[in-house]
Amino acid sequence: MAIDQPTVVDIIGVESTTGEVVLTISDHLDWNDSYQHQQMLQDKLNTYLAFIESGELCEKYPNAKGRRPRIDVVFRHKPDAEAYMFLSKAKSIVEKAGYGFRFELFSATPLEI
């Protein structure tokens, strides 16, 4: 599951430190076509917002009830300047709706056992 599957919620979990229910978008695409990438990300974000706002999140994941939703986007490739402008606008919209929003670059640092 990833950004190229716009109607699928990729990952859902509860963050132990904040208690927020975190819905994660996994974005593996490069930014060679920034406009197209932003469109795909917008479609995915709209799916996530609809999933939360329709009540489907709490219906499918009862542990989400009473928890603040947060959407996280994890990128494999560093976003370009236009993408950062898009993400800033998306963050504002998502937060105005009452949800959290974060994005980060994936770090492939291996775990030590």
Protein backbone atom coordinates (compact mmCIF):
# COMPACT_ATOMS: atom_id res chain seq x y z
CA MET A 1 0.00 0.00 0.00
CA ALA A 2 1.31 3.43 -0.84
CA ILE A 3 0.60 6.81 -2.35
CA ASP A 4 -0.14 5.25 -5.74
CA GLN A 5 -3.21 3.55 -4.21
CA PRO A 6 -5.35 6.64 -3.57
CA THR A 7 -8.35 4.89 -2.00
CA VAL A 8 -6.40 2.82 0.54
CA VAL A 9 -5.42 3.86 4.08
CA ASP A 10 -1.86 2.56 4.39
CA ILE A 11 -1.13 2.28 8.12
CA ILE A 12 -3.06 3.02 11.32
CA GLY A 13 -1.67 2.94 14.84
CA VAL A 14 -1.70 4.69 18.19
CA GLU A 15 1.27 6.77 19.27
CA SER A 16 2.16 5.76 22.79
CA THR A 17 3.49 9.15 23.87
CA THR A 18 0.60 11.34 22.69
CA GLY A 19 -2.27 8.87 22.50
CA GLU A 20 -3.09 10.14 19.01
CA VAL A 21 -4.37 7.72 16.40
CA VAL A 22 -1.89 8.04 13.55
CA LEU A 23 -2.82 7.37 9.94
CA THR A 24 0.35 7.10 7.88
CA ILE A 25 0.77 7.69 4.17
CA SER A 26 3.72 5.81 2.71
CA ASP A 27 5.21 7.85 -0.15
CA HIS A 28 7.91 6.06 -2.13
CA LEU A 29 7.83 8.23 -5.27
CA ASP A 30 10.53 10.65 -6.42
CA TRP A 31 9.74 14.29 -7.23
CA ASN A 32 10.68 14.30 -10.93
CA ASP A 33 7.10 15.34 -11.76
CA SER A 34 6.30 17.45 -8.74
CA TYR A 35 2.88 18.55 -9.97
CA GLN A 36 1.68 14.96 -10.58
CA HIS A 37 3.15 13.85 -7.26
CA GLN A 38 1.33 16.64 -5.43
CA GLN A 39 -1.93 15.63 -7.14
CA MET A 40 -1.47 12.05 -5.98
CA LEU A 41 -0.70 13.19 -2.47
CA GLN A 42 -3.76 15.45 -2.45
CA ASP A 43 -5.96 12.53 -3.53
CA LYS A 44 -4.52 10.35 -0.78
CA LEU A 45 -4.99 13.08 1.84
CA ASN A 46 -8.60 13.52 0.74
CA THR A 47 -9.15 9.77 1.22
CA TYR A 48 -7.71 9.96 4.72
CA LEU A 49 -9.81 12.98 5.66
CA ALA A 50 -12.97 11.31 4.36
CA PHE A 51 -12.07 8.15 6.30
CA ILE A 52 -11.82 10.17 9.52
CA GLU A 53 -14.76 12.52 8.96
CA SER A 54 -17.20 9.81 7.85
CA GLY A 55 -16.71 7.94 11.13
CA GLU A 56 -15.24 4.96 9.30
CA LEU A 57 -12.00 5.27 11.28
CA CYS A 58 -13.78 4.68 14.60
CA GLU A 59 -16.06 2.08 13.06
CA LYS A 60 -13.19 -0.03 11.74
CA TYR A 61 -10.77 0.75 14.59
CA PRO A 62 -12.73 1.14 17.84
CA ASN A 63 -9.47 1.95 19.68
CA ALA A 64 -9.50 5.28 17.81
CA LYS A 65 -12.59 6.50 19.67
CA GLY A 66 -11.81 9.51 21.82
CA ARG A 67 -8.35 9.93 20.32
CA ARG A 68 -7.20 12.85 18.21
CA PRO A 69 -6.44 11.75 14.64
CA ARG A 70 -3.12 12.71 13.05
CA ILE A 71 -2.04 12.18 9.47
CA ASP A 72 1.64 11.46 8.94
CA VAL A 73 3.33 11.34 5.54
CA VAL A 74 6.62 9.45 5.33
CA PHE A 75 8.65 10.21 2.21
CA ARG A 76 11.34 8.04 0.69
CA HIS A 77 12.65 10.99 -1.34
CA LYS A 78 13.14 14.54 -0.11
CA PRO A 79 10.32 16.81 -1.32
CA ASP A 80 11.24 19.69 -3.61
CA ALA A 81 10.48 23.38 -2.91
CA GLU A 82 7.05 23.26 -4.56
CA ALA A 83 6.15 20.19 -2.51
CA TYR A 84 7.07 21.99 0.72
CA MET A 85 4.68 24.80 -0.24
CA PHE A 86 1.97 22.22 -0.89
CA LEU A 87 2.66 20.47 2.42
CA SER A 88 2.46 23.77 4.29
CA LYS A 89 -0.98 24.44 2.81
CA ALA A 90 -2.10 20.87 3.49
CA LYS A 91 -0.93 21.13 7.09
CA SER A 92 -2.97 24.29 7.58
CA ILE A 93 -6.11 22.71 6.12
CA VAL A 94 -5.78 19.47 8.10
CA GLU A 95 -5.10 21.31 11.35
CA LYS A 96 -8.06 23.67 10.80
CA ALA A 97 -10.20 20.53 10.55
CA GLY A 98 -8.98 19.62 14.05
CA TYR A 99 -6.47 16.92 13.17
CA GLY A 100 -2.71 16.70 13.45
CA PHE A 101 -0.40 16.63 10.44
CA ARG A 102 3.27 15.73 10.16
CA PHE A 103 5.65 14.74 7.42
CA GLU A 104 9.14 13.33 7.49
CA LEU A 105 11.81 11.74 5.36
CA PHE A 106 12.20 8.01 5.95
CA SER A 107 15.46 7.05 7.58
CA ALA A 108 16.66 3.60 6.68
CA THR A 109 18.95 3.31 9.68
CA PRO A 110 19.04 -0.37 10.62
CA LEU A 111 18.09 -1.42 14.13
CA GLU A 112 20.71 -3.05 16.30
CA ILE A 113 19.79 -6.20 18.15
